[in-house]
Amino acid sequence: LDDDNPTWQQALFSLLGNSSSSLPVVFIGGKLVGSMDNVMAAHINGTL
């Protein structure tokens, strides 16, 4: 999203809700996993 309209990030953050407002935003199997903290938590607890 380097050179694109900043509204892309705003739209992504609206999907995240209040849980986070930072990139990356990760989808697995078409489902929102979330940002880095959610991905790392899933990796650590064995669900990733």
PDB file of all heavy atoms in Angstrom:
ATOM      1  N   LEU A   1       0.813  -1.212   0.000  1.00  0.00           N
ATOM      2  CA  LEU A   1       0.000   0.000   0.000  1.00  0.00           C
ATOM      3  C   LEU A   1       0.850   1.267   0.000  1.00  0.00           C
ATOM      4  O   LEU A   1       0.386   2.322   0.398  1.00  0.00           O
ATOM      5  CB  LEU A   1      -0.921  -0.002   1.226  1.00  0.00           C
ATOM      6  CG  LEU A   1      -1.808  -1.231   1.378  1.00  0.00           C
ATOM      7  CD1 LEU A   1      -2.583  -1.163   2.678  1.00  0.00           C
ATOM      8  CD2 LEU A   1      -2.740  -1.371   0.200  1.00  0.00           C
ATOM      9  N   ASP A   2       2.097   1.165  -0.448  1.00  0.00           N
ATOM     10  CA  ASP A   2       3.042   2.280  -0.362  1.00  0.00           C
ATOM     11  C   ASP A   2       2.565   3.551  -1.049  1.00  0.00           C
ATOM     12  O   ASP A   2       2.602   4.627  -0.468  1.00  0.00           O
ATOM     13  CB  ASP A   2       4.396   1.889  -0.959  1.00  0.00           C
ATOM     14  CG  ASP A   2       5.071   0.795  -0.166  1.00  0.00           C
ATOM     15  OD1 ASP A   2       4.799   0.689   1.044  1.00  0.00           O
ATOM     16  OD2 ASP A   2       5.858   0.052  -0.762  1.00  0.00           O
ATOM     17  N   ASP A   3       2.156   3.451  -2.298  1.00  0.00           N
ATOM     18  CA  ASP A   3       1.852   4.641  -3.088  1.00  0.00           C
ATOM     19  C   ASP A   3       0.365   4.850  -3.323  1.00  0.00           C
ATOM     20  O   ASP A   3      -0.022   5.671  -4.141  1.00  0.00           O
ATOM     21  CB  ASP A   3       2.566   4.557  -4.447  1.00  0.00           C
ATOM     22  CG  ASP A   3       4.060   4.515  -4.281  1.00  0.00           C
ATOM     23  OD1 ASP A   3       4.569   5.176  -3.359  1.00  0.00           O
ATOM     24  OD2 ASP A   3       4.712   3.815  -5.062  1.00  0.00           O
ATOM     25  N   ASP A   4      -0.426   4.108  -2.624  1.00  0.00           N
ATOM     26  CA  ASP A   4      -1.857   4.180  -2.875  1.00  0.00           C
ATOM     27  C   ASP A   4      -2.546   5.168  -1.947  1.00  0.00           C
ATOM     28  O   ASP A   4      -1.988   5.641  -0.972  1.00  0.00           O
ATOM     29  CB  ASP A   4      -2.480   2.794  -2.733  1.00  0.00           C
ATOM     30  CG  ASP A   4      -1.976   1.870  -3.798  1.00  0.00           C
ATOM     31  OD1 ASP A   4      -2.161   2.159  -4.992  1.00  0.00           O
ATOM     32  OD2 ASP A   4      -1.355   0.877  -3.432  1.00  0.00           O
ATOM     33  N   ASN A   5      -3.770   5.428  -2.260  1.00  0.00           N
ATOM     34  CA  ASN A   5      -4.591   6.337  -1.488  1.00  0.00           C
ATOM     35  C   ASN A   5      -4.648   5.884  -0.026  1.00  0.00           C
ATOM     36  O   ASN A   5      -4.892   4.711   0.248  1.00  0.00           O
ATOM     37  CB  ASN A   5      -5.991   6.326  -2.118  1.00  0.00           C
ATOM     38  CG  ASN A   5      -6.842   7.437  -1.614  1.00  0.00           C
ATOM     39  OD1 ASN A   5      -6.873   7.709  -0.423  1.00  0.00           O
ATOM     40  ND2 ASN A   5      -7.546   8.079  -2.527  1.00  0.00           N
ATOM     41  N   PRO A   6      -4.436   6.783   0.930  1.00  0.00           N
ATOM     42  CA  PRO A   6      -4.462   6.399   2.345  1.00  0.00           C
ATOM     43  C   PRO A   6      -5.804   5.858   2.812  1.00  0.00           C
ATOM     44  O   PRO A   6      -5.886   5.267   3.885  1.00  0.00           O
ATOM     45  CB  PRO A   6      -4.098   7.683   3.082  1.00  0.00           C
ATOM     46  CG  PRO A   6      -4.237   8.782   2.115  1.00  0.00           C
ATOM     47  CD  PRO A   6      -4.126   8.196   0.734  1.00  0.00           C
ATOM     48  N   THR A   7      -6.837   6.015   2.021  1.00  0.00           N
ATOM     49  CA  THR A   7      -8.128   5.472   2.430  1.00  0.00           C
ATOM     50  C   THR A   7      -8.113   3.943   2.442  1.00  0.00           C
ATOM     51  O   THR A   7      -8.960   3.333   3.090  1.00  0.00           O
ATOM     52  CB  THR A   7      -9.264   5.966   1.521  1.00  0.00           C
ATOM     53  OG1 THR A   7      -8.968   5.620   0.179  1.00  0.00           O
ATOM     54  CG2 THR A   7      -9.430   7.468   1.645  1.00  0.00           C
ATOM     55  N   TRP A   8      -7.163   3.325   1.746  1.00  0.00           N
ATOM     56  CA  TRP A   8      -7.037   1.859   1.813  1.00  0.00           C
ATOM     57  C   TRP A   8      -6.737   1.433   3.236  1.00  0.00           C
ATOM     58  O   TRP A   8      -7.328   0.498   3.753  1.00  0.00           O
ATOM     59  CB  TRP A   8      -5.952   1.354   0.860  1.00  0.00           C
ATOM     60  CG  TRP A   8      -6.483   1.201  -0.509  1.00  0.00           C
ATOM     61  CD1 TRP A   8      -6.360   2.079  -1.549  1.00  0.00           C
ATOM     62  CD2 TRP A   8      -7.287   0.127  -0.994  1.00  0.00           C
ATOM     63  NE1 TRP A   8      -7.029   1.615  -2.641  1.00  0.00           N
ATOM     64  CE2 TRP A   8      -7.599   0.418  -2.330  1.00  0.00           C
ATOM     65  CE3 TRP A   8      -7.764  -1.038  -0.425  1.00  0.00           C
ATOM     66  CZ2 TRP A   8      -8.387  -0.425  -3.102  1.00  0.00           C
ATOM     67  CZ3 TRP A   8      -8.541  -1.884  -1.194  1.00  0.00           C
ATOM     68  CH2 TRP A   8      -8.838  -1.573  -2.522  1.00  0.00           C
ATOM     69  N   GLN A   9      -5.776   2.107   3.866  1.00  0.00           N
ATOM     70  CA  GLN A   9      -5.449   1.759   5.242  1.00  0.00           C
ATOM     71  C   GLN A   9      -6.642   2.015   6.152  1.00  0.00           C
ATOM     72  O   GLN A   9      -6.938   1.210   7.032  1.00  0.00           O
ATOM     73  CB  GLN A   9      -4.224   2.523   5.714  1.00  0.00           C
ATOM     74  CG  GLN A   9      -2.949   2.028   5.063  1.00  0.00           C
ATOM     75  CD  GLN A   9      -1.714   2.689   5.622  1.00  0.00           C
ATOM     76  OE1 GLN A   9      -1.694   3.145   6.750  1.00  0.00           O
ATOM     77  NE2 GLN A   9      -0.667   2.724   4.822  1.00  0.00           N
ATOM     78  N   GLN A  10      -7.353   3.092   5.941  1.00  0.00           N
ATOM     79  CA  GLN A  10      -8.527   3.389   6.759  1.00  0.00           C
ATOM     80  C   GLN A  10      -9.592   2.303   6.604  1.00  0.00           C
ATOM     81  O   GLN A  10     -10.220   1.898   7.578  1.00  0.00           O
ATOM     82  CB  GLN A  10      -9.096   4.755   6.389  1.00  0.00           C
ATOM     83  CG  GLN A  10      -8.180   5.900   6.774  1.00  0.00           C
ATOM     84  CD  GLN A  10      -8.648   7.234   6.199  1.00  0.00           C
ATOM     85  OE1 GLN A  10      -9.624   7.299   5.460  1.00  0.00           O
ATOM     86  NE2 GLN A  10      -7.937   8.287   6.533  1.00  0.00           N
ATOM     87  N   ALA A  11      -9.787   1.829   5.378  1.00  0.00           N
ATOM     88  CA  ALA A  11     -10.758   0.755   5.154  1.00  0.00           C
ATOM     89  C   ALA A  11     -10.314  -0.531   5.838  1.00  0.00           C
ATOM     90  O   ALA A  11     -11.134  -1.234   6.446  1.00  0.00           O
ATOM     91  CB  ALA A  11     -10.955   0.529   3.659  1.00  0.00           C
ATOM     92  N   LEU A  12      -9.025  -0.836   5.769  1.00  0.00           N
ATOM     93  CA  LEU A  12      -8.510  -2.029   6.443  1.00  0.00           C
ATOM     94  C   LEU A  12      -8.667  -1.907   7.954  1.00  0.00           C
ATOM     95  O   LEU A  12      -9.066  -2.856   8.631  1.00  0.00           O
ATOM     96  CB  LEU A  12      -7.040  -2.251   6.086  1.00  0.00           C
ATOM     97  CG  LEU A  12      -6.785  -2.765   4.683  1.00  0.00           C
ATOM     98  CD1 LEU A  12      -5.319  -2.613   4.308  1.00  0.00           C
ATOM     99  CD2 LEU A  12      -7.216  -4.214   4.563  1.00  0.00           C
ATOM    100  N   PHE A  13      -8.364  -0.743   8.483  1.00  0.00           N
ATOM    101  CA  PHE A  13      -8.469  -0.552   9.923  1.00  0.00           C
ATOM    102  C   PHE A  13      -9.919  -0.625  10.395  1.00  0.00           C
ATOM    103  O   PHE A  13     -10.188  -1.050  11.514  1.00  0.00           O
ATOM    104  CB  PHE A  13      -7.828   0.766  10.344  1.00  0.00           C
ATOM    105  CG  PHE A  13      -6.351   0.837  10.048  1.00  0.00           C
ATOM    106  CD1 PHE A  13      -5.724   2.057   9.893  1.00  0.00           C
ATOM    107  CD2 PHE A  13      -5.578  -0.315   9.906  1.00  0.00           C
ATOM    108  CE1 PHE A  13      -4.369   2.135   9.614  1.00  0.00           C
ATOM    109  CE2 PHE A  13      -4.230  -0.248   9.617  1.00  0.00           C
ATOM    110  CZ  PHE A  13      -3.619   0.973   9.477  1.00  0.00           C
ATOM    111  N   SER A  14     -10.848  -0.238   9.532  1.00  0.00           N
ATOM    112  CA  SER A  14     -12.256  -0.362   9.906  1.00  0.00           C
ATOM    113  C   SER A  14     -12.651  -1.834  10.038  1.00  0.00           C
ATOM    114  O   SER A  14     -13.493  -2.180  10.860  1.00  0.00           O
ATOM    115  CB  SER A  14     -13.160   0.363   8.919  1.00  0.00           C
ATOM    116  OG  SER A  14     -13.257  -0.344   7.703  1.00  0.00           O
ATOM    117  N   LEU A  15     -12.025  -2.696   9.243  1.00  0.00           N
ATOM    118  CA  LEU A  15     -12.264  -4.142   9.377  1.00  0.00           C
ATOM    119  C   LEU A  15     -11.727  -4.669  10.698  1.00  0.00           C
ATOM    120  O   LEU A  15     -12.311  -5.556  11.307  1.00  0.00           O
ATOM    121  CB  LEU A  15     -11.581  -4.908   8.239  1.00  0.00           C
ATOM    122  CG  LEU A  15     -12.284  -4.941   6.906  1.00  0.00           C
ATOM    123  CD1 LEU A  15     -11.383  -5.565   5.852  1.00  0.00           C
ATOM    124  CD2 LEU A  15     -13.577  -5.718   7.009  1.00  0.00           C
ATOM    125  N   LEU A  16     -10.591  -4.115  11.135  1.00  0.00           N
ATOM    126  CA  LEU A  16      -9.982  -4.552  12.387  1.00  0.00           C
ATOM    127  C   LEU A  16     -10.760  -4.073  13.608  1.00  0.00           C
ATOM    128  O   LEU A  16     -10.620  -4.636  14.679  1.00  0.00           O
ATOM    129  CB  LEU A  16      -8.533  -4.048  12.486  1.00  0.00           C
ATOM    130  CG  LEU A  16      -7.549  -4.646  11.499  1.00  0.00           C
ATOM    131  CD1 LEU A  16      -6.215  -3.924  11.599  1.00  0.00           C
ATOM    132  CD2 LEU A  16      -7.368  -6.131  11.733  1.00  0.00           C
ATOM    133  N   GLY A  17     -11.539  -3.027  13.439  1.00  0.00           N
ATOM    134  CA  GLY A  17     -12.278  -2.469  14.569  1.00  0.00           C
ATOM    135  C   GLY A  17     -11.326  -1.794  15.536  1.00  0.00           C
ATOM    136  O   GLY A  17     -10.331  -1.207  15.137  1.00  0.00           O
ATOM    137  N   ASN A  18     -11.600  -1.911  16.794  1.00  0.00           N
ATOM    138  CA  ASN A  18     -10.772  -1.279  17.814  1.00  0.00           C
ATOM    139  C   ASN A  18      -9.565  -2.117  18.200  1.00  0.00           C
ATOM    140  O   ASN A  18      -8.760  -1.698  19.015  1.00  0.00           O
ATOM    141  CB  ASN A  18     -11.602  -0.990  19.070  1.00  0.00           C
ATOM    142  CG  ASN A  18     -12.636   0.074  18.814  1.00  0.00           C
ATOM    143  OD1 ASN A  18     -12.449   0.940  17.970  1.00  0.00           O
ATOM    144  ND2 ASN A  18     -13.740  -0.003  19.537  1.00  0.00           N
ATOM    145  N   SER A  19      -9.439  -3.309  17.616  1.00  0.00           N
ATOM    146  CA  SER A  19      -8.366  -4.207  18.047  1.00  0.00           C
ATOM    147  C   SER A  19      -6.986  -3.724  17.632  1.00  0.00           C
ATOM    148  O   SER A  19      -6.012  -3.999  18.300  1.00  0.00           O
ATOM    149  CB  SER A  19      -8.608  -5.615  17.498  1.00  0.00           C
ATOM    150  OG  SER A  19      -8.532  -5.606  16.087  1.00  0.00           O
ATOM    151  N   SER A  20      -6.889  -3.014  16.527  1.00  0.00           N
ATOM    152  CA  SER A  20      -5.582  -2.565  16.062  1.00  0.00           C
ATOM    153  C   SER A  20      -5.752  -1.519  14.983  1.00  0.00           C
ATOM    154  O   SER A  20      -6.778  -1.433  14.336  1.00  0.00           O
ATOM    155  CB  SER A  20      -4.800  -3.754  15.500  1.00  0.00           C
ATOM    156  OG  SER A  20      -3.548  -3.323  15.030  1.00  0.00           O
ATOM    157  N   SER A  21      -4.732  -0.735  14.809  1.00  0.00           N
ATOM    158  CA  SER A  21      -4.748   0.223  13.700  1.00  0.00           C
ATOM    159  C   SER A  21      -3.364   0.274  13.073  1.00  0.00           C
ATOM    160  O   SER A  21      -2.789   1.332  12.887  1.00  0.00           O
ATOM    161  CB  SER A  21      -5.180   1.605  14.184  1.00  0.00           C
ATOM    162  OG  SER A  21      -4.269   2.091  15.138  1.00  0.00           O
ATOM    163  N   SER A  22      -2.829  -0.897  12.804  1.00  0.00           N
ATOM    164  CA  SER A  22      -1.511  -0.938  12.185  1.00  0.00           C
ATOM    165  C   SER A  22      -1.443  -2.064  11.167  1.00  0.00           C
ATOM    166  O   SER A  22      -2.202  -3.016  11.219  1.00  0.00           O
ATOM    167  CB  SER A  22      -0.430  -1.137  13.259  1.00  0.00           C
ATOM    168  OG  SER A  22      -0.607  -2.383  13.898  1.00  0.00           O
ATOM    169  N   LEU A  23      -0.535  -1.915  10.252  1.00  0.00           N
ATOM    170  CA  LEU A  23      -0.265  -2.952   9.267  1.00  0.00           C
ATOM    171  C   LEU A  23       0.785  -3.883   9.843  1.00  0.00           C
ATOM    172  O   LEU A  23       1.530  -3.479  10.721  1.00  0.00           O
ATOM    173  CB  LEU A  23       0.236  -2.312   7.974  1.00  0.00           C
ATOM    174  CG  LEU A  23      -0.791  -1.442   7.245  1.00  0.00           C
ATOM    175  CD1 LEU A  23      -0.137  -0.709   6.093  1.00  0.00           C
ATOM    176  CD2 LEU A  23      -1.955  -2.273   6.751  1.00  0.00           C
ATOM    177  N   PRO A  24       0.834  -5.105   9.384  1.00  0.00           N
ATOM    178  CA  PRO A  24       0.095  -5.733   8.295  1.00  0.00           C
ATOM    179  C   PRO A  24      -1.312  -6.141   8.720  1.00  0.00           C
ATOM    180  O   PRO A  24      -1.601  -6.295   9.898  1.00  0.00           O
ATOM    181  CB  PRO A  24       0.933  -6.973   7.999  1.00  0.00           C
ATOM    182  CG  PRO A  24       1.482  -7.361   9.329  1.00  0.00           C
ATOM    183  CD  PRO A  24       1.769  -6.048  10.013  1.00  0.00           C
ATOM    184  N   VAL A  25      -2.144  -6.347   7.711  1.00  0.00           N
ATOM    185  CA  VAL A  25      -3.459  -6.938   7.922  1.00  0.00           C
ATOM    186  C   VAL A  25      -3.445  -8.244   7.143  1.00  0.00           C
ATOM    187  O   VAL A  25      -3.170  -8.261   5.939  1.00  0.00           O
ATOM    188  CB  VAL A  25      -4.592  -6.009   7.445  1.00  0.00           C
ATOM    189  CG1 VAL A  25      -5.943  -6.689   7.600  1.00  0.00           C
ATOM    190  CG2 VAL A  25      -4.554  -4.699   8.225  1.00  0.00           C
ATOM    191  N   VAL A  26      -3.709  -9.352   7.843  1.00  0.00           N
ATOM    192  CA  VAL A  26      -3.552 -10.691   7.277  1.00  0.00           C
ATOM    193  C   VAL A  26      -4.903 -11.391   7.182  1.00  0.00           C
ATOM    194  O   VAL A  26      -5.687 -11.382   8.139  1.00  0.00           O
ATOM    195  CB  VAL A  26      -2.581 -11.530   8.138  1.00  0.00           C
ATOM    196  CG1 VAL A  26      -2.422 -12.929   7.570  1.00  0.00           C
ATOM    197  CG2 VAL A  26      -1.225 -10.831   8.252  1.00  0.00           C
ATOM    198  N   PHE A  27      -5.131 -11.991   6.014  1.00  0.00           N
ATOM    199  CA  PHE A  27      -6.301 -12.831   5.781  1.00  0.00           C
ATOM    200  C   PHE A  27      -5.801 -14.234   5.461  1.00  0.00           C
ATOM    201  O   PHE A  27      -4.872 -14.398   4.672  1.00  0.00           O
ATOM    202  CB  PHE A  27      -7.114 -12.324   4.589  1.00  0.00           C
ATOM    203  CG  PHE A  27      -7.847 -11.047   4.835  1.00  0.00           C
ATOM    204  CD1 PHE A  27      -7.201  -9.822   4.734  1.00  0.00           C
ATOM    205  CD2 PHE A  27      -9.204 -11.064   5.143  1.00  0.00           C
ATOM    206  CE1 PHE A  27      -7.880  -8.634   4.940  1.00  0.00           C
ATOM    207  CE2 PHE A  27      -9.892  -9.868   5.352  1.00  0.00           C
ATOM    208  CZ  PHE A  27      -9.238  -8.662   5.252  1.00  0.00           C
ATOM    209  N   ILE A  28      -6.422 -15.239   6.065  1.00  0.00           N
ATOM    210  CA  ILE A  28      -6.103 -16.638   5.765  1.00  0.00           C
ATOM    211  C   ILE A  28      -7.411 -17.335   5.417  1.00  0.00           C
ATOM    212  O   ILE A  28      -8.368 -17.285   6.185  1.00  0.00           O
ATOM    213  CB  ILE A  28      -5.404 -17.334   6.955  1.00  0.00           C
ATOM    214  CG1 ILE A  28      -4.076 -16.639   7.268  1.00  0.00           C
ATOM    215  CG2 ILE A  28      -5.200 -18.825   6.655  1.00  0.00           C
ATOM    216  CD1 ILE A  28      -3.356 -17.183   8.482  1.00  0.00           C
ATOM    217  N   GLY A  29      -7.429 -17.949   4.250  1.00  0.00           N
ATOM    218  CA  GLY A  29      -8.650 -18.615   3.791  1.00  0.00           C
ATOM    219  C   GLY A  29      -9.794 -17.642   3.596  1.00  0.00           C
ATOM    220  O   GLY A  29     -10.947 -18.010   3.777  1.00  0.00           O
ATOM    221  N   GLY A  30      -9.478 -16.405   3.236  1.00  0.00           N
ATOM    222  CA  GLY A  30     -10.495 -15.390   3.024  1.00  0.00           C
ATOM    223  C   GLY A  30     -11.048 -14.779   4.296  1.00  0.00           C
ATOM    224  O   GLY A  30     -11.895 -13.904   4.253  1.00  0.00           O
ATOM    225  N   LYS A  31     -10.563 -15.242   5.449  1.00  0.00           N
ATOM    226  CA  LYS A  31     -11.050 -14.740   6.736  1.00  0.00           C
ATOM    227  C   LYS A  31     -10.000 -13.837   7.372  1.00  0.00           C
ATOM    228  O   LYS A  31      -8.806 -14.138   7.343  1.00  0.00           O
ATOM    229  CB  LYS A  31     -11.358 -15.902   7.680  1.00  0.00           C
ATOM    230  CG  LYS A  31     -12.463 -16.802   7.169  1.00  0.00           C
ATOM    231  CD  LYS A  31     -12.669 -17.974   8.070  1.00  0.00           C
ATOM    232  CE  LYS A  31     -13.688 -18.928   7.461  1.00  0.00           C
ATOM    233  NZ  LYS A  31     -13.727 -20.200   8.161  1.00  0.00           N
ATOM    234  N   LEU A  32     -10.453 -12.761   7.960  1.00  0.00           N
ATOM    235  CA  LEU A  32      -9.561 -11.832   8.627  1.00  0.00           C
ATOM    236  C   LEU A  32      -8.948 -12.479   9.862  1.00  0.00           C
ATOM    237  O   LEU A  32      -9.659 -12.947  10.741  1.00  0.00           O
ATOM    238  CB  LEU A  32     -10.330 -10.568   9.029  1.00  0.00           C
ATOM    239  CG  LEU A  32      -9.557  -9.543   9.834  1.00  0.00           C
ATOM    240  CD1 LEU A  32      -8.429  -8.928   9.003  1.00  0.00           C
ATOM    241  CD2 LEU A  32     -10.497  -8.461  10.344  1.00  0.00           C
ATOM    242  N   VAL A  33      -7.612 -12.522   9.896  1.00  0.00           N
ATOM    243  CA  VAL A  33      -6.907 -12.983  11.095  1.00  0.00           C
ATOM    244  C   VAL A  33      -6.580 -11.776  11.958  1.00  0.00           C
ATOM    245  O   VAL A  33      -6.716 -11.812  13.167  1.00  0.00           O
ATOM    246  CB  VAL A  33      -5.620 -13.756  10.723  1.00  0.00           C
ATOM    247  CG1 VAL A  33      -4.816 -14.104  11.959  1.00  0.00           C
ATOM    248  CG2 VAL A  33      -5.971 -15.004   9.936  1.00  0.00           C
ATOM    249  N   GLY A  34      -6.148 -10.693  11.313  1.00  0.00           N
ATOM    250  CA  GLY A  34      -5.852  -9.470  12.047  1.00  0.00           C
ATOM    251  C   GLY A  34      -4.465  -8.959  11.728  1.00  0.00           C
ATOM    252  O   GLY A  34      -3.903  -9.246  10.675  1.00  0.00           O
ATOM    253  N   SER A  35      -3.922  -8.229  12.667  1.00  0.00           N
ATOM    254  CA  SER A  35      -2.592  -7.651  12.468  1.00  0.00           C
ATOM    255  C   SER A  35      -1.536  -8.562  13.091  1.00  0.00           C
ATOM    256  O   SER A  35      -1.809  -9.712  13.432  1.00  0.00           O
ATOM    257  CB  SER A  35      -2.552  -6.239  13.049  1.00  0.00           C
ATOM    258  OG  SER A  35      -2.873  -6.270  14.420  1.00  0.00           O
ATOM    259  N   MET A  36      -0.343  -8.047  13.225  1.00  0.00           N
ATOM    260  CA  MET A  36       0.786  -8.865  13.658  1.00  0.00           C
ATOM    261  C   MET A  36       0.531  -9.565  14.994  1.00  0.00           C
ATOM    262  O   MET A  36       0.880 -10.736  15.147  1.00  0.00           O
ATOM    263  CB  MET A  36       2.051  -8.028  13.757  1.00  0.00           C
ATOM    264  CG  MET A  36       3.221  -8.848  14.260  1.00  0.00           C
ATOM    265  SD  MET A  36       4.755  -8.101  13.857  1.00  0.00           S
ATOM    266  CE  MET A  36       5.869  -9.340  14.468  1.00  0.00           C
ATOM    267  N   ASP A  37      -0.061  -8.866  15.946  1.00  0.00           N
ATOM    268  CA  ASP A  37      -0.263  -9.482  17.258  1.00  0.00           C
ATOM    269  C   ASP A  37      -1.145 -10.722  17.175  1.00  0.00           C
ATOM    270  O   ASP A  37      -0.876 -11.730  17.836  1.00  0.00           O
ATOM    271  CB  ASP A  37      -0.800  -8.472  18.266  1.00  0.00           C
ATOM    272  CG  ASP A  37      -2.067  -7.766  17.813  1.00  0.00           C
ATOM    273  OD1 ASP A  37      -2.386  -7.799  16.611  1.00  0.00           O
ATOM    274  OD2 ASP A  37      -2.726  -7.152  18.679  1.00  0.00           O
ATOM    275  N   ASN A  38      -2.175 -10.694  16.340  1.00  0.00           N
ATOM    276  CA  ASN A  38      -3.046 -11.863  16.185  1.00  0.00           C
ATOM    277  C   ASN A  38      -2.319 -13.013  15.497  1.00  0.00           C
ATOM    278  O   ASN A  38      -2.490 -14.177  15.878  1.00  0.00           O
ATOM    279  CB  ASN A  38      -4.293 -11.503  15.384  1.00  0.00           C
ATOM    280  CG  ASN A  38      -5.136 -10.465  16.061  1.00  0.00           C
ATOM    281  OD1 ASN A  38      -4.777  -9.290  16.060  1.00  0.00           O
ATOM    282  ND2 ASN A  38      -6.240 -10.879  16.636  1.00  0.00           N
ATOM    283  N   VAL A  39      -1.537 -12.710  14.477  1.00  0.00           N
ATOM    284  CA  VAL A  39      -0.803 -13.753  13.750  1.00  0.00           C
ATOM    285  C   VAL A  39       0.236 -14.392  14.671  1.00  0.00           C
ATOM    286  O   VAL A  39       0.363 -15.615  14.723  1.00  0.00           O
ATOM    287  CB  VAL A  39      -0.154 -13.190  12.478  1.00  0.00           C
ATOM    288  CG1 VAL A  39       0.690 -14.254  11.785  1.00  0.00           C
ATOM    289  CG2 VAL A  39      -1.212 -12.645  11.529  1.00  0.00           C
ATOM    290  N   MET A  40       0.972 -13.570  15.404  1.00  0.00           N
ATOM    291  CA  MET A  40       1.998 -14.108  16.304  1.00  0.00           C
ATOM    292  C   MET A  40       1.374 -14.911  17.439  1.00  0.00           C
ATOM    293  O   MET A  40       1.903 -15.961  17.825  1.00  0.00           O
ATOM    294  CB  MET A  40       2.871 -12.977  16.866  1.00  0.00           C
ATOM    295  CG  MET A  40       3.749 -12.323  15.811  1.00  0.00           C
ATOM    296  SD  MET A  40       4.795 -13.484  14.899  1.00  0.00           S
ATOM    297  CE  MET A  40       5.861 -14.068  16.191  1.00  0.00           C
ATOM    298  N   ALA A  41       0.253 -14.457  17.968  1.00  0.00           N
ATOM    299  CA  ALA A  41      -0.439 -15.210  19.016  1.00  0.00           C
ATOM    300  C   ALA A  41      -0.882 -16.572  18.484  1.00  0.00           C
ATOM    301  O   ALA A  41      -0.731 -17.598  19.165  1.00  0.00           O
ATOM    302  CB  ALA A  41      -1.633 -14.422  19.542  1.00  0.00           C
ATOM    303  N   ALA A  42      -1.408 -16.602  17.261  1.00  0.00           N
ATOM    304  CA  ALA A  42      -1.822 -17.870  16.651  1.00  0.00           C
ATOM    305  C   ALA A  42      -0.616 -18.779  16.433  1.00  0.00           C
ATOM    306  O   ALA A  42      -0.703 -19.997  16.628  1.00  0.00           O
ATOM    307  CB  ALA A  42      -2.549 -17.619  15.338  1.00  0.00           C
ATOM    308  N   HIS A  43       0.503 -18.199  16.049  1.00  0.00           N
ATOM    309  CA  HIS A  43       1.726 -18.991  15.853  1.00  0.00           C
ATOM    310  C   HIS A  43       2.199 -19.582  17.181  1.00  0.00           C
ATOM    311  O   HIS A  43       2.504 -20.775  17.266  1.00  0.00           O
ATOM    312  CB  HIS A  43       2.806 -18.107  15.232  1.00  0.00           C
ATOM    313  CG  HIS A  43       4.104 -18.798  14.999  1.00  0.00           C
ATOM    314  ND1 HIS A  43       4.217 -19.959  14.269  1.00  0.00           N
ATOM    315  CD2 HIS A  43       5.358 -18.481  15.400  1.00  0.00           C
ATOM    316  CE1 HIS A  43       5.487 -20.336  14.234  1.00  0.00           C
ATOM    317  NE2 HIS A  43       6.185 -19.457  14.918  1.00  0.00           N
ATOM    318  N   ILE A  44       2.224 -18.775  18.213  1.00  0.00           N
ATOM    319  CA  ILE A  44       2.715 -19.221  19.525  1.00  0.00           C
ATOM    320  C   ILE A  44       1.788 -20.255  20.145  1.00  0.00           C
ATOM    321  O   ILE A  44       2.259 -21.254  20.713  1.00  0.00           O
ATOM    322  CB  ILE A  44       2.916 -18.010  20.458  1.00  0.00           C
ATOM    323  CG1 ILE A  44       4.101 -17.171  19.953  1.00  0.00           C
ATOM    324  CG2 ILE A  44       3.143 -18.437  21.899  1.00  0.00           C
ATOM    325  CD1 ILE A  44       4.225 -15.804  20.585  1.00  0.00           C
ATOM    326  N   ASN A  45       0.479 -20.063  20.027  1.00  0.00           N
ATOM    327  CA  ASN A  45      -0.430 -21.018  20.680  1.00  0.00           C
ATOM    328  C   ASN A  45      -0.752 -22.243  19.812  1.00  0.00           C
ATOM    329  O   ASN A  45      -1.546 -23.087  20.206  1.00  0.00           O
ATOM    330  CB  ASN A  45      -1.705 -20.326  21.177  1.00  0.00           C
ATOM    331  CG  ASN A  45      -2.634 -19.890  20.070  1.00  0.00           C
ATOM    332  OD1 ASN A  45      -2.630 -20.420  18.967  1.00  0.00           O
ATOM    333  ND2 ASN A  45      -3.468 -18.898  20.371  1.00  0.00           N
ATOM    334  N   GLY A  46      -0.148 -22.310  18.623  1.00  0.00           N
ATOM    335  CA  GLY A  46      -0.284 -23.509  17.803  1.00  0.00           C
ATOM    336  C   GLY A  46      -1.494 -23.552  16.889  1.00  0.00           C
ATOM    337  O   GLY A  46      -1.770 -24.591  16.290  1.00  0.00           O
ATOM    338  N   THR A  47      -2.217 -22.458  16.738  1.00  0.00           N
ATOM    339  CA  THR A  47      -3.404 -22.483  15.879  1.00  0.00           C
ATOM    340  C   THR A  47      -3.132 -21.971  14.466  1.00  0.00           C
ATOM    341  O   THR A  47      -3.989 -22.115  13.598  1.00  0.00           O
ATOM    342  CB  THR A  47      -4.553 -21.660  16.501  1.00  0.00           C
ATOM    343  OG1 THR A  47      -4.113 -20.307  16.689  1.00  0.00           O
ATOM    344  CG2 THR A  47      -4.987 -22.250  17.838  1.00  0.00           C
ATOM    345  N   LEU A  48      -1.949 -21.399  14.222  1.00  0.00           N
ATOM    346  CA  LEU A  48      -1.654 -20.852  12.899  1.00  0.00           C
ATOM    347  C   LEU A  48      -1.503 -21.952  11.849  1.00  0.00           C
ATOM    348  O   LEU A  48      -2.083 -21.859  10.765  1.00  0.00           O
ATOM    349  CB  LEU A  48      -0.395 -19.979  12.939  1.00  0.00           C
ATOM    350  CG  LEU A  48      -0.011 -19.308  11.620  1.00  0.00           C
ATOM    351  CD1 LEU A  48      -1.129 -18.400  11.119  1.00  0.00           C
ATOM    352  CD2 LEU A  48       1.283 -18.510  11.796  1.00  0.00           C
TER     353      LEU A  48
END
